[in-house]
Protein backbone atom coordinates (compact mmCIF):
# COMPACT_ATOMS: atom_id res chain seq x y z
CA MET A 1 -3.35 -18.65 -27.96
CA ARG A 2 -1.91 -15.47 -26.42
CA ASN A 3 -5.17 -14.08 -25.11
CA LEU A 4 -5.60 -12.80 -21.58
CA THR A 5 -8.69 -11.61 -19.71
CA ILE A 6 -8.23 -9.34 -16.69
CA ILE A 7 -10.94 -8.53 -14.18
CA GLY A 8 -10.35 -5.05 -12.77
CA SER A 9 -8.97 -1.89 -14.37
CA GLY A 10 -7.50 -0.59 -11.13
CA LEU A 11 -3.80 -0.05 -10.60
CA ALA A 12 -2.66 -3.68 -10.61
CA GLY A 13 -4.91 -4.84 -13.44
CA THR A 14 -4.01 -2.01 -15.78
CA LEU A 15 -0.27 -2.20 -15.09
CA LEU A 16 -0.33 -5.94 -15.71
CA ALA A 17 -2.20 -5.35 -18.97
CA LEU A 18 0.62 -3.06 -20.11
CA TYR A 19 3.24 -5.69 -19.30
CA MET A 20 1.29 -8.38 -21.12
CA ALA A 21 0.57 -6.25 -24.20
CA ARG A 22 4.29 -5.59 -24.52
CA ARG A 23 4.77 -9.37 -24.53
CA GLY A 24 2.41 -9.70 -27.49
CA TYR A 25 -0.75 -10.72 -25.65
CA GLU A 26 -4.22 -9.62 -26.70
CA VAL A 27 -5.64 -8.29 -23.43
CA VAL A 28 -9.27 -7.62 -22.55
CA ILE A 29 -10.08 -5.88 -19.26
CA TYR A 30 -13.53 -5.84 -17.64
CA GLU A 31 -14.28 -3.21 -15.00
CA SER A 32 -17.46 -2.98 -12.93
CA ARG A 33 -17.25 0.78 -12.41
CA PRO A 34 -17.45 3.63 -14.95
CA ASP A 35 -14.32 5.06 -16.53
CA LEU A 36 -12.85 7.19 -13.73
CA ARG A 37 -11.52 9.63 -16.32
CA VAL A 38 -15.10 10.42 -17.33
CA VAL A 39 -17.09 9.87 -14.14
CA THR A 40 -15.58 10.73 -10.77
CA HIS A 41 -16.71 7.96 -8.46
CA ASP A 42 -13.80 7.43 -6.07
CA ARG A 43 -14.31 10.41 -3.77
CA GLY A 44 -13.64 9.32 -0.24
CA ARG A 45 -12.94 5.77 -1.34
CA SER A 46 -9.26 5.28 -0.71
CA ILE A 47 -6.37 6.58 1.28
CA ASN A 48 -3.92 8.62 -0.76
CA LEU A 49 -1.18 6.30 -1.89
CA ALA A 50 2.55 6.19 -1.16
CA LEU A 51 4.67 5.21 -4.15
CA SER A 52 8.13 3.97 -3.24
CA CYS A 53 10.94 2.01 -4.87
CA ARG A 54 9.02 -1.20 -5.61
CA GLY A 55 6.18 0.66 -7.26
CA LEU A 56 8.51 2.89 -9.26
CA THR A 57 10.44 -0.18 -10.41
CA GLY A 58 7.17 -1.74 -11.58
CA LEU A 59 6.30 1.41 -13.53
CA ALA A 60 9.80 1.56 -15.00
CA GLY A 61 9.23 -1.87 -16.52
CA VAL A 62 6.65 -0.31 -18.86
CA ASP A 63 8.54 3.00 -19.24
CA LEU A 64 6.16 5.00 -17.04
CA SER A 65 8.29 6.02 -14.06
CA ASP A 66 9.31 9.35 -15.62
CA LYS A 67 5.77 10.18 -16.76
CA ALA A 68 4.49 9.45 -13.27
CA LYS A 69 6.79 12.02 -11.67
CA ARG A 70 4.58 14.96 -12.67
CA ILE A 71 1.77 13.66 -10.41
CA LEU A 72 3.97 12.79 -7.43
CA VAL A 73 4.69 14.84 -4.32
CA PRO A 74 7.83 13.92 -2.36
CA MET A 75 7.40 13.01 1.31
CA ARG A 76 10.83 13.30 2.91
CA ALA A 77 9.92 12.75 6.55
CA ARG A 78 7.19 12.18 9.07
CA ALA A 79 5.88 15.29 10.81
CA ILE A 80 4.43 14.13 14.13
CA HIS A 81 1.85 16.44 15.70
CA GLU A 82 1.54 15.49 19.35
CA GLU A 83 -1.29 16.75 21.51
CA HIS A 84 1.10 18.85 23.54
CA GLY A 85 4.55 19.98 22.51
CA PRO A 86 6.41 20.84 19.31
CA ILE A 87 6.16 18.94 16.03
CA LYS A 88 8.75 16.17 15.74
CA TYR A 89 10.32 15.12 12.45
CA GLN A 90 11.61 11.69 11.43
CA ALA A 91 13.36 11.30 8.08
CA PHE A 92 12.30 8.34 5.94
CA GLY A 93 15.62 7.77 4.20
CA ARG A 94 19.34 8.02 4.74
CA HIS A 95 19.82 11.15 2.63
CA ALA A 96 17.91 13.77 0.63
CA ASP A 97 17.47 11.52 -2.40
CA GLU A 98 15.59 8.87 -0.41
CA TYR A 99 11.94 9.82 -0.05
CA ILE A 100 8.56 8.29 -0.70
CA ASN A 101 6.00 9.85 -3.00
CA ALA A 102 2.41 10.81 -2.33
CA VAL A 103 0.07 10.25 -5.26
CA GLN A 104 -3.67 10.35 -5.72
CA ARG A 105 -5.04 6.98 -6.77
CA SER A 106 -7.20 8.51 -9.51
CA ASP A 107 -4.26 10.39 -11.07
CA LEU A 108 -2.06 7.30 -11.25
CA ASN A 109 -4.91 5.10 -12.47
CA ALA A 110 -5.70 7.65 -15.21
CA LEU A 111 -2.07 7.60 -16.36
CA LEU A 112 -2.16 3.80 -16.62
CA LEU A 113 -5.51 3.83 -18.44
CA ASP A 114 -4.35 6.49 -20.91
CA THR A 115 -1.29 4.39 -21.67
CA ALA A 116 -3.44 1.27 -22.09
CA ASP A 117 -5.71 3.17 -24.51
CA SER A 118 -2.68 3.91 -26.67
CA MET A 119 -1.97 0.20 -27.13
CA PRO A 120 -4.03 -1.48 -29.86
CA THR A 121 -3.88 -4.90 -28.21
CA ILE A 122 -5.62 -3.75 -25.01
CA THR A 123 -9.41 -3.40 -24.86
CA ILE A 124 -11.20 -2.11 -21.76
CA HIS A 125 -14.91 -2.58 -21.07
CA PHE A 126 -16.28 -0.37 -18.29
CA ASP A 127 -19.61 -0.71 -16.46
CA MET A 128 -19.39 -4.50 -16.71
CA LYS A 129 -20.24 -5.91 -13.30
CA LEU A 130 -18.95 -9.44 -12.80
CA LEU A 131 -21.64 -11.61 -11.26
CA THR A 132 -20.00 -15.03 -11.12
CA VAL A 133 -17.10 -16.97 -12.58
CA ASP A 134 -17.51 -20.55 -13.77
CA VAL A 135 -13.85 -21.52 -13.49
CA ARG A 136 -14.42 -25.10 -14.63
CA GLN A 137 -16.19 -24.06 -17.83
CA LYS A 138 -14.08 -20.87 -18.15
CA LEU A 139 -17.12 -18.60 -18.38
CA LEU A 140 -17.72 -15.10 -17.01
CA HIS A 141 -21.22 -13.85 -16.24
CA PHE A 142 -21.68 -10.07 -16.41
CA GLU A 143 -24.34 -7.41 -16.04
CA ASP A 144 -23.92 -4.03 -17.74
CA LYS A 145 -25.25 -0.66 -16.56
CA THR A 146 -28.55 -1.20 -18.41
CA GLY A 147 -29.15 -4.48 -16.59
CA GLN A 148 -28.36 -6.55 -19.68
CA ARG A 149 -26.66 -9.83 -18.79
CA SER A 150 -24.07 -11.66 -20.86
CA THR A 151 -21.80 -14.69 -20.68
CA ILE A 152 -18.27 -14.46 -22.05
CA ALA A 153 -15.70 -17.23 -22.41
CA TYR A 154 -12.06 -16.71 -21.50
CA HIS A 155 -8.83 -18.50 -22.32
CA ARG A 156 -6.79 -17.39 -19.31
CA LEU A 157 -8.06 -15.22 -16.47
CA ILE A 158 -6.32 -12.80 -14.11
CA GLY A 159 -8.24 -11.67 -11.03
CA ALA A 160 -7.06 -8.13 -10.25
CA ASP A 161 -10.39 -7.14 -8.76
CA GLY A 162 -9.20 -6.00 -5.36
CA ALA A 163 -9.91 -6.97 -1.78
CA GLY A 164 -13.53 -7.87 -2.53
CA SER A 165 -12.47 -10.08 -5.45
CA LEU A 166 -15.28 -12.07 -7.05
CA VAL A 167 -12.68 -14.16 -8.84
CA ARG A 168 -11.20 -15.19 -5.48
CA GLU A 169 -14.69 -15.78 -4.10
CA SER A 170 -15.55 -18.06 -7.04
CA LEU A 171 -12.34 -20.07 -6.64
CA THR A 172 -13.00 -20.38 -2.91
CA ARG A 173 -16.60 -21.44 -3.38
CA GLU A 174 -15.50 -24.20 -5.75
CA GLY A 175 -12.97 -25.45 -3.19
CA LEU A 176 -10.06 -24.68 -5.51
CA VAL A 177 -8.38 -22.25 -3.10
CA THR A 178 -8.76 -21.43 0.58
CA SER A 179 -9.05 -17.81 1.62
CA SER A 180 -9.69 -15.69 4.69
CA ARG A 181 -10.34 -12.02 5.30
CA THR A 182 -9.65 -10.58 8.75
CA TYR A 183 -11.06 -7.12 9.44
CA LEU A 184 -9.63 -4.50 11.78
CA PRO A 185 -12.03 -2.98 14.31
CA HIS A 186 -10.86 0.38 12.94
CA GLY A 187 -12.11 2.04 9.77
CA TYR A 188 -10.96 5.09 7.83
CA LYS A 189 -12.47 8.17 6.23
CA GLU A 190 -10.90 10.61 3.78
CA LEU A 191 -11.14 14.33 4.63
CA SER A 192 -9.71 17.42 2.93
CA ILE A 193 -7.24 19.86 4.48
CA SER A 194 -7.17 22.98 2.30
CA SER A 195 -4.08 24.59 0.79
CA GLY A 196 -4.68 27.49 3.19
CA HIS A 197 -3.50 25.35 6.09
CA PRO A 198 -1.14 26.76 8.75
CA GLU A 199 2.52 27.11 7.80
CA LYS A 200 3.48 24.45 10.35
CA LEU A 201 1.81 21.87 8.09
CA VAL A 202 4.98 21.97 6.00
CA GLY A 203 5.04 20.55 2.49
CA GLU A 204 6.79 17.37 1.38
CA HIS A 205 6.00 15.61 4.67
CA LEU A 206 3.69 12.85 5.81
CA HIS A 207 1.75 14.41 8.68
CA LEU A 208 0.67 12.27 11.61
CA TRP A 209 -1.59 13.15 14.52
CA PRO A 210 -1.33 10.04 16.76
CA ARG A 211 -3.82 9.80 19.61
CA ASP A 212 -4.79 7.04 22.07
CA SER A 213 -7.30 5.10 19.95
CA PHE A 214 -7.37 7.08 16.72
CA LEU A 215 -5.04 8.70 14.22
CA LEU A 216 -5.17 11.41 11.56
CA LEU A 217 -2.74 11.00 8.67
CA GLY A 218 -2.11 13.68 6.03
CA ASN A 219 -0.66 13.17 2.55
CA PRO A 220 0.42 16.23 0.53
CA ASN A 221 -1.10 16.92 -2.90
CA THR A 222 0.30 18.69 -5.95
CA ASP A 223 -1.92 21.77 -5.29
CA HIS A 224 -0.44 22.10 -1.75
CA SER A 225 -3.61 20.84 -0.10
CA ILE A 226 -3.46 17.76 2.11
CA THR A 227 -5.61 14.65 1.94
CA GLY A 228 -6.38 13.60 5.48
CA SER A 229 -7.29 10.05 6.46
CA LEU A 230 -8.90 9.55 9.85
CA PHE A 231 -8.44 6.09 11.38
CA MET A 232 -10.63 5.22 14.34
CA PRO A 233 -12.82 2.42 15.72
CA HIS A 234 -16.15 1.77 14.02
CA GLU A 235 -17.91 1.53 17.40
CA GLY A 236 -17.41 2.66 21.00
CA VAL A 237 -15.81 5.74 22.54
CA ASN A 238 -14.14 8.08 20.03
CA SER A 239 -15.59 6.14 17.11
CA PHE A 240 -17.26 6.80 13.78
CA ALA A 241 -20.56 5.70 15.28
CA GLU A 242 -20.22 8.27 18.06
CA LEU A 243 -19.55 11.23 15.73
CA ASP A 244 -23.05 11.48 14.30
CA SER A 245 -23.78 15.22 14.38
CA GLU A 246 -22.24 18.53 13.32
CA VAL A 247 -21.71 19.59 16.93
CA LYS A 248 -19.94 16.34 17.88
CA ILE A 249 -17.75 16.35 14.76
CA ASN A 250 -16.60 19.95 15.20
CA HIS A 251 -15.98 19.51 18.93
CA PHE A 252 -13.99 16.32 18.38
CA PHE A 253 -11.72 17.75 15.66
CA LYS A 254 -11.17 21.07 17.41
CA ARG A 255 -10.07 19.21 20.53
CA ALA A 256 -8.07 16.41 18.90
CA PHE A 257 -6.49 18.13 15.86
CA PRO A 258 -6.68 21.92 16.36
CA ASP A 259 -4.04 22.84 13.75
CA ALA A 260 -5.71 20.71 11.07
CA PHE A 261 -9.25 21.72 12.08
CA ASP A 262 -8.65 25.36 11.16
CA ALA A 263 -7.98 24.33 7.54
CA MET A 264 -10.95 21.96 7.13
CA PRO A 265 -13.85 24.19 5.98
CA ASP A 266 -15.81 21.26 4.51
CA LEU A 267 -15.21 18.95 7.46
CA VAL A 268 -18.78 18.25 8.52
CA GLY A 269 -20.12 17.73 5.00
CA GLU A 270 -17.27 15.42 4.05
CA PHE A 271 -17.44 13.51 7.31
CA LEU A 272 -21.14 12.79 6.90
CA GLN A 273 -21.01 12.13 3.13
CA ASN A 274 -17.74 10.29 2.54
CA PRO A 275 -17.93 6.54 3.12
CA THR A 276 -16.22 4.89 6.05
CA GLY A 277 -13.78 2.36 4.64
CA HIS A 278 -12.97 -1.04 6.08
CA MET A 279 -9.46 -2.43 6.46
CA SER A 280 -8.55 -6.08 6.29
CA THR A 281 -5.82 -8.63 5.72
CA ILE A 282 -6.51 -11.22 3.03
CA LYS A 283 -4.80 -14.60 2.86
CA THR A 284 -5.29 -17.00 -0.03
CA SER A 285 -3.72 -20.35 -0.85
CA PRO A 286 -2.87 -21.01 -3.59
CA TRP A 287 -3.37 -17.99 -5.86
CA TYR A 288 -4.01 -19.98 -9.02
CA TYR A 289 -6.03 -22.77 -10.61
CA ARG A 290 -4.23 -24.94 -13.15
CA ASP A 291 -2.72 -22.60 -15.74
CA GLU A 292 -6.09 -20.97 -16.34
CA CYS A 293 -6.69 -18.49 -13.51
CA LEU A 294 -4.41 -16.36 -11.33
CA LEU A 295 -4.98 -13.80 -8.56
CA ILE A 296 -2.71 -10.78 -8.10
CA GLY A 297 -2.52 -7.76 -5.81
CA ASP A 298 -5.19 -7.24 -3.16
CA ALA A 299 -7.30 -10.02 -4.68
CA ALA A 300 -4.63 -12.47 -3.53
CA HIS A 301 -2.98 -10.78 -0.55
CA GLY A 302 -4.69 -7.59 0.61
CA ILE A 303 -3.07 -5.80 3.53
CA VAL A 304 -3.83 -2.92 5.89
CA PRO A 305 -2.47 0.43 4.64
CA PHE A 306 -0.15 1.41 7.47
CA PHE A 307 3.16 0.62 5.76
CA GLY A 308 2.21 2.18 2.43
CA GLN A 309 2.98 -1.05 0.59
CA GLY A 310 -0.32 -2.30 -0.86
CA MET A 311 0.12 -0.71 -4.27
CA ASN A 312 3.88 -1.21 -4.22
CA SER A 313 3.45 -4.91 -3.52
CA ALA A 314 0.87 -5.23 -6.32
CA PHE A 315 3.18 -3.48 -8.80
CA GLU A 316 5.96 -5.81 -7.67
CA ASP A 317 3.61 -8.71 -8.48
CA CYS A 318 3.37 -7.44 -12.06
CA ARG A 319 7.13 -7.06 -12.45
CA ILE A 320 7.94 -10.47 -11.00
CA LEU A 321 5.21 -12.22 -13.01
CA ASN A 322 6.67 -10.67 -16.15
CA ALA A 323 10.17 -11.85 -15.17
CA LEU A 324 8.89 -15.40 -14.63
CA LEU A 325 7.21 -15.38 -18.03
CA ASN A 326 10.63 -14.52 -19.45
CA GLN A 327 12.26 -17.30 -17.44
CA TYR A 328 9.74 -19.97 -18.46
CA ASP A 329 9.09 -18.83 -22.04
CA ASP A 330 5.45 -17.97 -21.28
CA ASP A 331 4.67 -21.49 -20.05
CA TRP A 332 1.90 -20.56 -17.62
CA GLN A 333 1.77 -24.10 -16.24
CA GLN A 334 5.19 -23.45 -14.74
CA VAL A 335 4.78 -19.72 -14.21
CA MET A 336 1.70 -19.75 -11.97
CA PRO A 337 3.08 -22.03 -9.21
CA ALA A 338 6.50 -20.36 -9.49
CA PHE A 339 4.87 -16.95 -9.04
CA TYR A 340 2.93 -18.13 -6.00
CA ASN A 341 6.03 -19.72 -4.44
CA ALA A 342 8.11 -16.60 -5.10
CA ARG A 343 5.57 -14.19 -3.65
CA LYS A 344 3.69 -15.97 -0.87
CA ALA A 345 6.26 -15.64 1.94
CA ASN A 346 7.02 -12.07 0.94
CA THR A 347 3.40 -10.93 0.91
CA GLU A 348 2.82 -12.58 4.29
CA ALA A 349 5.87 -10.72 5.61
CA VAL A 350 4.63 -7.34 4.41
CA ALA A 351 1.21 -8.09 5.90
CA ARG A 352 2.83 -8.64 9.30
CA MET A 353 5.01 -5.55 8.97
CA SER A 354 1.97 -3.47 8.01
CA MET A 355 0.20 -4.49 11.20
CA ASP A 356 3.36 -3.78 13.21
CA ASN A 357 3.60 -0.35 11.63
CA TYR A 358 0.03 0.44 12.67
CA HIS A 359 1.10 0.03 16.29
CA GLU A 360 4.22 2.08 15.57
CA ILE A 361 2.51 5.13 14.05
CA GLN A 362 -0.28 5.21 16.63
CA ILE A 363 1.37 4.14 19.90
CA ASP A 364 5.16 3.79 19.70
CA ILE A 365 5.70 7.07 17.89
CA ARG A 366 4.84 8.98 21.08
CA ASP A 367 7.31 7.03 23.22
CA GLU A 368 10.66 8.64 24.07
CA LYS A 369 12.56 5.36 23.84
CA PHE A 370 11.08 4.66 20.41
CA ASN A 371 12.14 8.08 19.16
CA LEU A 372 15.63 7.49 20.54
CA LYS A 373 15.80 4.27 18.51
CA LYS A 374 14.81 6.19 15.38
CA GLN A 375 17.60 8.70 16.00
CA LEU A 376 20.01 5.87 16.70
CA GLU A 377 19.12 4.14 13.43
CA GLN A 378 19.97 7.27 11.47
CA GLU A 379 23.30 7.47 13.28
CA LEU A 380 24.04 3.78 12.68
CA MET A 381 23.37 4.18 8.97
CA HIS A 382 25.71 7.19 8.93
CA ARG A 383 28.52 5.50 10.89
CA TYR A 384 28.20 2.05 9.29
CA PRO A 385 26.76 2.80 5.82
CA ASN A 386 27.76 -0.54 4.30
CA ARG A 387 26.70 -2.63 7.29
CA TYR A 388 23.51 -1.17 8.74
CA VAL A 389 20.50 -0.47 6.52
CA SER A 390 17.26 -0.14 8.46
CA LYS A 391 14.22 -2.31 7.81
CA HIS A 392 12.24 0.73 6.71
CA VAL A 393 14.91 1.68 4.18
CA LEU A 394 15.03 -1.90 2.87
CA VAL A 395 11.25 -1.87 2.41
CA MET A 396 10.84 1.65 1.04
CA PHE A 397 13.98 2.28 -1.00
CA THR A 398 15.13 -1.12 -2.27
CA ASN A 399 13.60 -4.18 -3.90
CA THR A 400 14.91 -6.46 -1.15
CA PRO A 401 12.37 -9.28 -0.65
CA TYR A 402 9.94 -8.38 2.12
CA SER A 403 10.69 -11.57 4.04
CA GLU A 404 14.40 -10.72 4.07
CA ALA A 405 13.71 -7.14 5.19
CA MET A 406 11.54 -8.42 8.04
CA ALA A 407 14.18 -10.93 9.18
CA VAL A 408 16.87 -8.24 9.12
CA GLY A 409 14.52 -5.94 11.03
CA ASN A 410 14.10 -8.51 13.80
CA ILE A 411 17.87 -8.65 14.31
CA GLN A 412 18.06 -4.86 14.23
CA GLY A 413 15.35 -4.64 16.88
CA GLU A 414 17.47 -6.73 19.23
CA LEU A 415 20.52 -4.54 18.59
CA LEU A 416 18.61 -1.30 19.16
CA ASN A 417 17.16 -2.60 22.43
CA VAL A 418 20.60 -3.45 23.80
CA ILE A 419 22.11 -0.08 22.86
CA CYS A 420 19.16 1.98 24.09
CA ASP A 421 18.86 0.13 27.39
CA GLU A 422 21.90 2.06 28.62
CA ALA A 423 21.25 5.47 27.05
CA ARG A 424 18.63 8.18 27.33
CA CYS A 425 19.88 10.17 24.32
CA VAL A 426 22.22 9.68 21.37
CA GLU A 427 24.95 11.65 23.16
CA GLU A 428 25.09 9.02 25.94
CA ILE A 429 25.72 6.09 23.60
CA ASN A 430 29.00 4.23 24.10
CA TRP A 431 30.23 3.89 20.51
CA LYS A 432 33.12 1.59 21.43
CA GLN A 433 30.56 -0.84 22.80
CA VAL A 434 28.49 -0.37 19.65
CA ASP A 435 31.52 -1.36 17.53
CA VAL A 436 31.61 -4.68 19.40
CA LEU A 437 27.85 -5.13 19.08
CA MET A 438 28.06 -4.44 15.34
CA ASP A 439 30.49 -7.34 14.93
CA GLU A 440 27.90 -9.61 16.57
CA TYR A 441 25.21 -8.06 14.37
CA ASP A 442 27.23 -8.85 11.23
CA LYS A 443 27.55 -12.49 12.29
CA LYS A 444 23.79 -12.78 12.85
CA LEU A 445 23.11 -11.33 9.40
CA ALA A 446 25.58 -13.75 7.84
CA ASN A 447 23.83 -16.68 9.53
CA LEU A 448 20.35 -15.49 8.60
CA ALA A 449 18.31 -18.31 7.09
CA LEU A 450 16.43 -16.76 4.20
CA PRO A 451 13.90 -18.48 1.91
């Protein structure tokens, strides 16, 4: 039987449905929420997304990368707004054609859902809240929006139901997988920055306002507005709990982010109404049960959002799962463990890099030595284009396995430290010495033990 049941019509679940329908599967998707194209229910729910090479490659596999371009906004560099001093800019890529893309979750999800609707072998049921999964009997227990309960059998199940996955929870409760979820003490809240913002909030940039214990991040939208995401502790000084009144909210933003504050006319209402999101890292082992149930995306390996790779990693899941189905002629008994073995080390690597990047965009980014290293990396990629490709470029603009990118990045970190120890600016760098160091760097890369 080529039947597949998917829990979750979010980004990963719907993209996977498209891949599977193209393989000849009859796909049924169950979604607990209403159809987002009819009922807007995601306001304030999620950070605007960053779509980079891995995600675009996943979309290309179902011929959607070109259609997606109309809803994307290029982000060519970071624009760093320090408390005092001019705005600093850090390019993401090596040249003008390397940039990441800002996209609103709802726009991309709607594109995927519209495409799924056009395929006769995909059926989507909205407002179907999953209550429990009986993985041994292969039964799903649902409740619809009227309170009516039902039990539905499945042949093969994919859990694409996000960080709070009930499929993962059911597998864990039965002792079939082990899982953990580690929360950050910080949360996030989405806030709007209007299109009438100051000219210094230039377009096609990812805006960052790094402060001691909190951070405002701004993603550009197609209408020239900016979606801001405030990251700060849940409790304590300068926390969400502390900002509990109009006076406190306005005073805090005017002091901490004056240039953004002037373009946030709905700040207080949004701050008090929009939910405060939680951030966590999810680890699961394994991601499957027999050949009957498989977890993908955040349900299997949720990460914190600071490297912009959650969606990209989930889309990569879909592409690689499809490739393994090709390799093993749709023998799921071989595919599921092969998928887990292919992805586990890589998703753990991107989880670590995401946590590292949180420290980078909040703390390191204000350090002079760190900024020198960023300038140096651009120069190294210019002088040694076939030998030095930064970790960030490997992650954002190639499909290099995450674990390999992280290992290369560790070697690069050592090289950058040595070069920058003896220089205060790029002009002081001894390039003859760098030539020698690059020979050592090449040897380390050649000896790199990769999985």
